[in-house]
Amino acid sequence: RQRGMVYTELPNGKIENIYEATFINKSGRPLKGLQLKLIEPKNLHAEMRVAGTDDNLNLKKEDVKQMMLFIDVPKDEVHGKVPIRVGVFDEKGEKLDDYKTIFFAPME
């Protein structure tokens, strides 16, 4: 989670949370075409993007990258604190890892 920020209400009716993410490639080989997907809850229509990349993330062998992850969810789908799980998938769609965090939204 981005320090000092809880959430931002966007003009398009979505709530945005910003996370600081560290990606570490421990596989011993380059990883190309990594994608992040919201695994839980399944009913959220979240849009995710990593700052400074296109839709795919590439990591060299033993690479460490720190990036900003933006998650936007329609305001009418979230209220208060919502536990979420984000998955990291390779170019074949195989899940490499997943992470739990909290998505914050207005209580109303």
Protein backbone atom coordinates (compact mmCIF):
# COMPACT_ATOMS: atom_id res chain seq x y z
CA ARG A 1 0.00 0.00 0.00
CA GLN A 2 1.18 3.50 -0.80
CA ARG A 3 2.10 5.20 2.48
CA GLY A 4 -0.19 8.00 3.61
CA MET A 5 -2.95 7.24 1.10
CA VAL A 6 -6.10 5.31 1.79
CA TYR A 7 -8.03 5.65 -1.50
CA THR A 8 -8.82 8.13 -4.25
CA GLU A 9 -12.27 8.73 -5.72
CA LEU A 10 -11.87 9.11 -9.49
CA PRO A 11 -14.11 11.26 -11.75
CA ASN A 12 -15.17 8.11 -13.65
CA GLY A 13 -16.96 6.73 -10.56
CA LYS A 14 -14.22 4.34 -9.52
CA ILE A 15 -12.18 4.02 -6.33
CA GLU A 16 -8.42 3.74 -6.79
CA ASN A 17 -5.88 2.23 -4.41
CA ILE A 18 -2.15 2.49 -5.05
CA TYR A 19 0.28 -0.16 -3.83
CA GLU A 20 4.07 -0.30 -3.76
CA ALA A 21 5.05 -3.68 -5.20
CA THR A 22 8.42 -5.39 -5.27
CA PHE A 23 8.87 -8.09 -7.91
CA ILE A 24 11.74 -10.54 -7.38
CA ASN A 25 12.66 -13.15 -9.97
CA LYS A 26 14.02 -16.19 -8.10
CA SER A 27 13.31 -18.63 -10.94
CA GLY A 28 16.86 -18.71 -12.34
CA ARG A 29 15.59 -17.70 -15.79
CA PRO A 30 14.14 -14.57 -17.41
CA LEU A 31 10.39 -14.17 -16.96
CA LYS A 32 8.48 -12.49 -19.77
CA GLY A 33 4.85 -11.60 -20.16
CA LEU A 34 3.95 -11.67 -16.48
CA GLN A 35 0.42 -10.53 -15.75
CA LEU A 36 -1.33 -9.51 -12.54
CA LYS A 37 -4.94 -10.55 -12.00
CA LEU A 38 -7.41 -10.13 -9.17
CA ILE A 39 -8.16 -13.63 -7.84
CA GLU A 40 -10.47 -12.75 -4.93
CA PRO A 41 -13.13 -11.61 -4.50
CA LYS A 42 -14.33 -12.91 -7.84
CA ASN A 43 -17.30 -10.51 -8.04
CA LEU A 44 -15.17 -7.32 -8.23
CA HIS A 45 -14.68 -5.74 -11.65
CA ALA A 46 -11.19 -4.44 -10.95
CA GLU A 47 -8.80 -2.85 -13.42
CA MET A 48 -5.13 -3.29 -12.58
CA ARG A 49 -2.06 -1.65 -14.05
CA VAL A 50 1.60 -1.39 -13.16
CA ALA A 51 3.09 2.08 -13.66
CA GLY A 52 5.67 2.28 -16.43
CA THR A 53 4.75 -0.97 -18.20
CA ASP A 54 2.41 -2.14 -20.90
CA ASP A 55 0.03 -4.99 -20.03
CA ASN A 56 2.93 -7.41 -19.42
CA LEU A 57 5.78 -7.31 -16.94
CA ASN A 58 9.22 -8.68 -17.81
CA LEU A 59 11.91 -9.63 -15.28
CA LYS A 60 15.48 -10.57 -16.08
CA LYS A 61 17.12 -13.50 -14.27
CA GLU A 62 17.53 -12.57 -10.55
CA ASP A 63 15.95 -9.16 -11.25
CA VAL A 64 14.36 -7.03 -8.50
CA LYS A 65 11.92 -4.30 -9.54
CA GLN A 66 9.95 -1.92 -7.39
CA MET A 67 6.84 -0.54 -9.05
CA MET A 68 3.55 1.13 -8.34
CA LEU A 69 0.42 -1.00 -8.78
CA PHE A 70 -2.90 0.77 -9.38
CA ILE A 71 -6.19 -1.04 -8.72
CA ASP A 72 -9.47 0.65 -9.71
CA VAL A 73 -12.89 -0.73 -8.70
CA PRO A 74 -16.37 0.71 -9.41
CA LYS A 75 -17.53 2.64 -6.33
CA ASP A 76 -20.81 0.73 -6.06
CA GLU A 77 -18.94 -2.61 -5.70
CA VAL A 78 -16.83 -1.81 -2.62
CA HIS A 79 -17.41 -0.36 0.84
CA GLY A 80 -14.96 -0.08 3.72
CA LYS A 81 -12.07 -2.54 3.91
CA VAL A 82 -12.20 -5.39 1.38
CA PRO A 83 -9.65 -8.24 1.54
CA ILE A 84 -8.29 -8.98 -1.93
CA ARG A 85 -5.85 -11.49 -3.45
CA VAL A 86 -3.71 -10.59 -6.47
CA GLY A 87 -2.12 -13.35 -8.55
CA VAL A 88 1.06 -13.21 -10.65
CA PHE A 89 0.77 -15.30 -13.83
CA ASP A 90 3.36 -16.26 -16.45
CA GLU A 91 2.90 -15.96 -20.21
CA LYS A 92 1.27 -19.42 -20.30
CA GLY A 93 -1.32 -18.40 -17.70
CA GLU A 94 0.24 -20.47 -14.90
CA LYS A 95 0.00 -18.87 -11.46
CA LEU A 96 3.48 -18.22 -10.02
CA ASP A 97 2.45 -16.59 -6.76
CA ASP A 98 -0.31 -14.61 -5.07
CA TYR A 99 -0.53 -11.89 -2.44
CA LYS A 100 -3.20 -10.84 0.03
CA THR A 101 -3.84 -7.20 0.82
CA ILE A 102 -6.70 -4.84 1.66
CA PHE A 103 -8.60 -2.58 -0.76
CA PHE A 104 -9.91 0.54 0.98
CA ALA A 105 -13.08 2.37 -0.09
CA PRO A 106 -15.56 4.82 1.47
CA MET A 107 -17.80 3.32 4.15
CA GLU A 108 -21.00 4.57 2.48
